[in-house]
Amino acid sequence: METEEEKKIKVEIKVNRQEEHQTVVKISYSRTCRIRIWPTTFLKDTQSNHISKLIEVYNVSKYPNWSILPSEKEFTLVFEGLPKKCTSFHLVEEIPEPDGMCYRNIGRNSSDVYQIKIE
């Protein structure tokens, strides 16, 4: 069952996506973890040099703050839209320390909403 906050986020993302093309990535971990998202997180089109910048994060802290993310709890990253010709992309978090996120060759879909579950 969705919380009121999750419903509000979905409505806000839907409105934003109608106003401006955006790409949404929802991520969850199978275990409780400590996490923060760096502003140097982006999507990289695998067929071109296009970079989609991070616009907003939901349910997780931005660097330098940390969040404790309970297992199976989802957080959402909203990026600028990918080029129309893009068929796959990488999610990259470039940071000056180990363990930045990097998920390669994510296949593009028509909704531009993606779910990643990390085991």
C-alpha atoms as a PDB file:
ATOM      1  CA  MET A   1       0.000   0.000   0.000  1.00  0.00           C
ATOM      2  CA  GLU A   2       1.341   3.426  -0.983  1.00  0.00           C
ATOM      3  CA  THR A   3       1.898   6.109   1.590  1.00  0.00           C
ATOM      4  CA  GLU A   4       0.618   9.631   1.009  1.00  0.00           C
ATOM      5  CA  GLU A   5       4.205  10.764   0.371  1.00  0.00           C
ATOM      6  CA  GLU A   6       4.684   8.112  -2.337  1.00  0.00           C
ATOM      7  CA  LYS A   7       1.414   9.140  -4.014  1.00  0.00           C
ATOM      8  CA  LYS A   8       2.493  12.797  -3.925  1.00  0.00           C
ATOM      9  CA  ILE A   9       5.864  11.919  -5.458  1.00  0.00           C
ATOM     10  CA  LYS A  10       4.191   9.953  -8.265  1.00  0.00           C
ATOM     11  CA  VAL A  11       1.894  12.861  -9.092  1.00  0.00           C
ATOM     12  CA  GLU A  12       4.790  15.332  -9.015  1.00  0.00           C
ATOM     13  CA  ILE A  13       6.917  13.132 -11.303  1.00  0.00           C
ATOM     14  CA  LYS A  14       3.999  12.667 -13.703  1.00  0.00           C
ATOM     15  CA  VAL A  15       3.386  16.426 -13.899  1.00  0.00           C
ATOM     16  CA  ASN A  16       7.090  17.136 -14.373  1.00  0.00           C
ATOM     17  CA  ARG A  17       7.408  14.466 -17.064  1.00  0.00           C
ATOM     18  CA  GLN A  18       4.508  16.030 -18.972  1.00  0.00           C
ATOM     19  CA  GLU A  19       6.101  19.472 -18.777  1.00  0.00           C
ATOM     20  CA  GLU A  20       9.627  18.352 -19.633  1.00  0.00           C
ATOM     21  CA  HIS A  21      10.946  15.004 -20.799  1.00  0.00           C
ATOM     22  CA  GLN A  22      12.634  13.244 -17.872  1.00  0.00           C
ATOM     23  CA  THR A  23      14.013   9.819 -17.037  1.00  0.00           C
ATOM     24  CA  VAL A  24      13.131   8.244 -13.675  1.00  0.00           C
ATOM     25  CA  VAL A  25      15.180   5.510 -11.984  1.00  0.00           C
ATOM     26  CA  LYS A  26      13.815   3.774  -8.875  1.00  0.00           C
ATOM     27  CA  ILE A  27      16.358   1.830  -6.825  1.00  0.00           C
ATOM     28  CA  SER A  28      15.985  -0.538  -3.887  1.00  0.00           C
ATOM     29  CA  TYR A  29      18.430  -2.701  -1.947  1.00  0.00           C
ATOM     30  CA  SER A  30      17.715  -6.179  -0.602  1.00  0.00           C
ATOM     31  CA  ARG A  31      19.476  -5.221   2.644  1.00  0.00           C
ATOM     32  CA  THR A  32      19.481  -2.195   4.940  1.00  0.00           C
ATOM     33  CA  CYS A  33      22.278   0.163   3.967  1.00  0.00           C
ATOM     34  CA  ARG A  34      23.700   3.614   4.495  1.00  0.00           C
ATOM     35  CA  ILE A  35      23.565   5.715   1.352  1.00  0.00           C
ATOM     36  CA  ARG A  36      23.791   9.201  -0.118  1.00  0.00           C
ATOM     37  CA  ILE A  37      23.550  10.414  -3.695  1.00  0.00           C
ATOM     38  CA  TRP A  38      26.267  12.631  -5.095  1.00  0.00           C
ATOM     39  CA  PRO A  39      25.418  15.474  -7.495  1.00  0.00           C
ATOM     40  CA  THR A  40      27.868  13.837  -9.907  1.00  0.00           C
ATOM     41  CA  THR A  41      25.352  11.072 -10.661  1.00  0.00           C
ATOM     42  CA  PHE A  42      24.209  10.960 -14.295  1.00  0.00           C
ATOM     43  CA  LEU A  43      22.908   8.822 -17.151  1.00  0.00           C
ATOM     44  CA  LYS A  44      25.239   8.219 -20.117  1.00  0.00           C
ATOM     45  CA  ASP A  45      23.806   7.270 -23.513  1.00  0.00           C
ATOM     46  CA  THR A  46      25.781   4.275 -24.791  1.00  0.00           C
ATOM     47  CA  GLN A  47      25.458   5.370 -28.453  1.00  0.00           C
ATOM     48  CA  SER A  48      26.561   8.996 -28.074  1.00  0.00           C
ATOM     49  CA  ASN A  49      28.327  11.386 -25.716  1.00  0.00           C
ATOM     50  CA  HIS A  50      25.015  12.591 -24.267  1.00  0.00           C
ATOM     51  CA  ILE A  51      24.858  12.968 -20.476  1.00  0.00           C
ATOM     52  CA  SER A  52      21.515  13.373 -18.646  1.00  0.00           C
ATOM     53  CA  LYS A  53      22.092  15.288 -15.421  1.00  0.00           C
ATOM     54  CA  LEU A  54      20.492  14.469 -12.082  1.00  0.00           C
ATOM     55  CA  ILE A  55      17.564  16.810 -11.386  1.00  0.00           C
ATOM     56  CA  GLU A  56      16.040  15.561  -8.131  1.00  0.00           C
ATOM     57  CA  VAL A  57      16.182  12.751  -5.561  1.00  0.00           C
ATOM     58  CA  TYR A  58      13.370  11.365  -3.388  1.00  0.00           C
ATOM     59  CA  ASN A  59      13.551   9.215  -0.221  1.00  0.00           C
ATOM     60  CA  VAL A  60      17.347   9.426   0.029  1.00  0.00           C
ATOM     61  CA  SER A  61      19.864  12.068   1.141  1.00  0.00           C
ATOM     62  CA  LYS A  62      22.061  14.118  -1.144  1.00  0.00           C
ATOM     63  CA  TYR A  63      25.792  14.350  -0.445  1.00  0.00           C
ATOM     64  CA  PRO A  64      27.163  15.226   2.117  1.00  0.00           C
ATOM     65  CA  ASN A  65      24.319  13.853   4.292  1.00  0.00           C
ATOM     66  CA  TRP A  66      23.650  10.141   4.789  1.00  0.00           C
ATOM     67  CA  SER A  67      20.400   8.150   4.875  1.00  0.00           C
ATOM     68  CA  ILE A  68      19.722   4.758   6.391  1.00  0.00           C
ATOM     69  CA  LEU A  69      17.749   2.935   3.732  1.00  0.00           C
ATOM     70  CA  PRO A  70      15.756  -0.021   5.081  1.00  0.00           C
ATOM     71  CA  SER A  71      15.822  -3.195   2.997  1.00  0.00           C
ATOM     72  CA  GLU A  72      13.369  -3.143   0.087  1.00  0.00           C
ATOM     73  CA  LYS A  73      12.739   0.617   0.587  1.00  0.00           C
ATOM     74  CA  GLU A  74      12.822   2.387  -2.748  1.00  0.00           C
ATOM     75  CA  PHE A  75      14.385   5.736  -3.561  1.00  0.00           C
ATOM     76  CA  THR A  76      13.906   7.681  -6.777  1.00  0.00           C
ATOM     77  CA  LEU A  77      16.326   9.587  -8.986  1.00  0.00           C
ATOM     78  CA  VAL A  78      14.994  11.961 -11.640  1.00  0.00           C
ATOM     79  CA  PHE A  79      17.244  12.873 -14.567  1.00  0.00           C
ATOM     80  CA  GLU A  80      17.050  15.039 -17.650  1.00  0.00           C
ATOM     81  CA  GLY A  81      15.587  13.144 -20.590  1.00  0.00           C
ATOM     82  CA  LEU A  82      17.619  10.833 -22.777  1.00  0.00           C
ATOM     83  CA  PRO A  83      17.937  11.449 -26.546  1.00  0.00           C
ATOM     84  CA  LYS A  84      15.158   9.939 -28.664  1.00  0.00           C
ATOM     85  CA  LYS A  85      17.612   7.652 -30.474  1.00  0.00           C
ATOM     86  CA  CYS A  86      19.061   6.240 -27.229  1.00  0.00           C
ATOM     87  CA  THR A  87      18.467   2.479 -26.885  1.00  0.00           C
ATOM     88  CA  SER A  88      20.554   1.835 -23.760  1.00  0.00           C
ATOM     89  CA  PHE A  89      22.389   3.825 -21.110  1.00  0.00           C
ATOM     90  CA  HIS A  90      24.609   3.611 -18.043  1.00  0.00           C
ATOM     91  CA  LEU A  91      23.749   4.978 -14.588  1.00  0.00           C
ATOM     92  CA  VAL A  92      26.990   6.400 -13.174  1.00  0.00           C
ATOM     93  CA  GLU A  93      27.859   8.045  -9.877  1.00  0.00           C
ATOM     94  CA  GLU A  94      31.344   9.554 -10.231  1.00  0.00           C
ATOM     95  CA  ILE A  95      32.722  10.086  -6.749  1.00  0.00           C
ATOM     96  CA  PRO A  96      36.203  10.516  -5.222  1.00  0.00           C
ATOM     97  CA  GLU A  97      35.869   7.403  -3.054  1.00  0.00           C
ATOM     98  CA  PRO A  98      35.147   3.689  -3.575  1.00  0.00           C
ATOM     99  CA  ASP A  99      31.701   2.206  -4.187  1.00  0.00           C
ATOM    100  CA  GLY A 100      30.049   4.751  -6.472  1.00  0.00           C
ATOM    101  CA  MET A 101      27.027   3.351  -8.281  1.00  0.00           C
ATOM    102  CA  CYS A 102      27.547   2.110 -11.819  1.00  0.00           C
ATOM    103  CA  TYR A 103      24.908   0.107 -13.671  1.00  0.00           C
ATOM    104  CA  ARG A 104      25.720  -0.565 -17.296  1.00  0.00           C
ATOM    105  CA  ASN A 105      23.681  -1.173 -20.405  1.00  0.00           C
ATOM    106  CA  ILE A 106      20.209  -0.482 -19.047  1.00  0.00           C
ATOM    107  CA  GLY A 107      17.813  -1.121 -21.932  1.00  0.00           C
ATOM    108  CA  ARG A 108      15.610   1.833 -22.830  1.00  0.00           C
ATOM    109  CA  ASN A 109      11.833   1.460 -22.534  1.00  0.00           C
ATOM    110  CA  SER A 110       8.929   3.588 -23.770  1.00  0.00           C
ATOM    111  CA  SER A 111       7.983   4.937 -20.318  1.00  0.00           C
ATOM    112  CA  ASP A 112      11.507   6.071 -19.349  1.00  0.00           C
ATOM    113  CA  VAL A 113      10.836   4.774 -15.821  1.00  0.00           C
ATOM    114  CA  TYR A 114      13.260   2.092 -14.620  1.00  0.00           C
ATOM    115  CA  GLN A 115      13.524  -0.125 -11.544  1.00  0.00           C
ATOM    116  CA  ILE A 116      16.842  -1.448 -10.250  1.00  0.00           C
ATOM    117  CA  LYS A 117      16.964  -3.919  -7.373  1.00  0.00           C
ATOM    118  CA  ILE A 118      20.376  -4.408  -5.801  1.00  0.00           C
ATOM    119  CA  GLU A 119      20.941  -7.753  -4.114  1.00  0.00           C
END
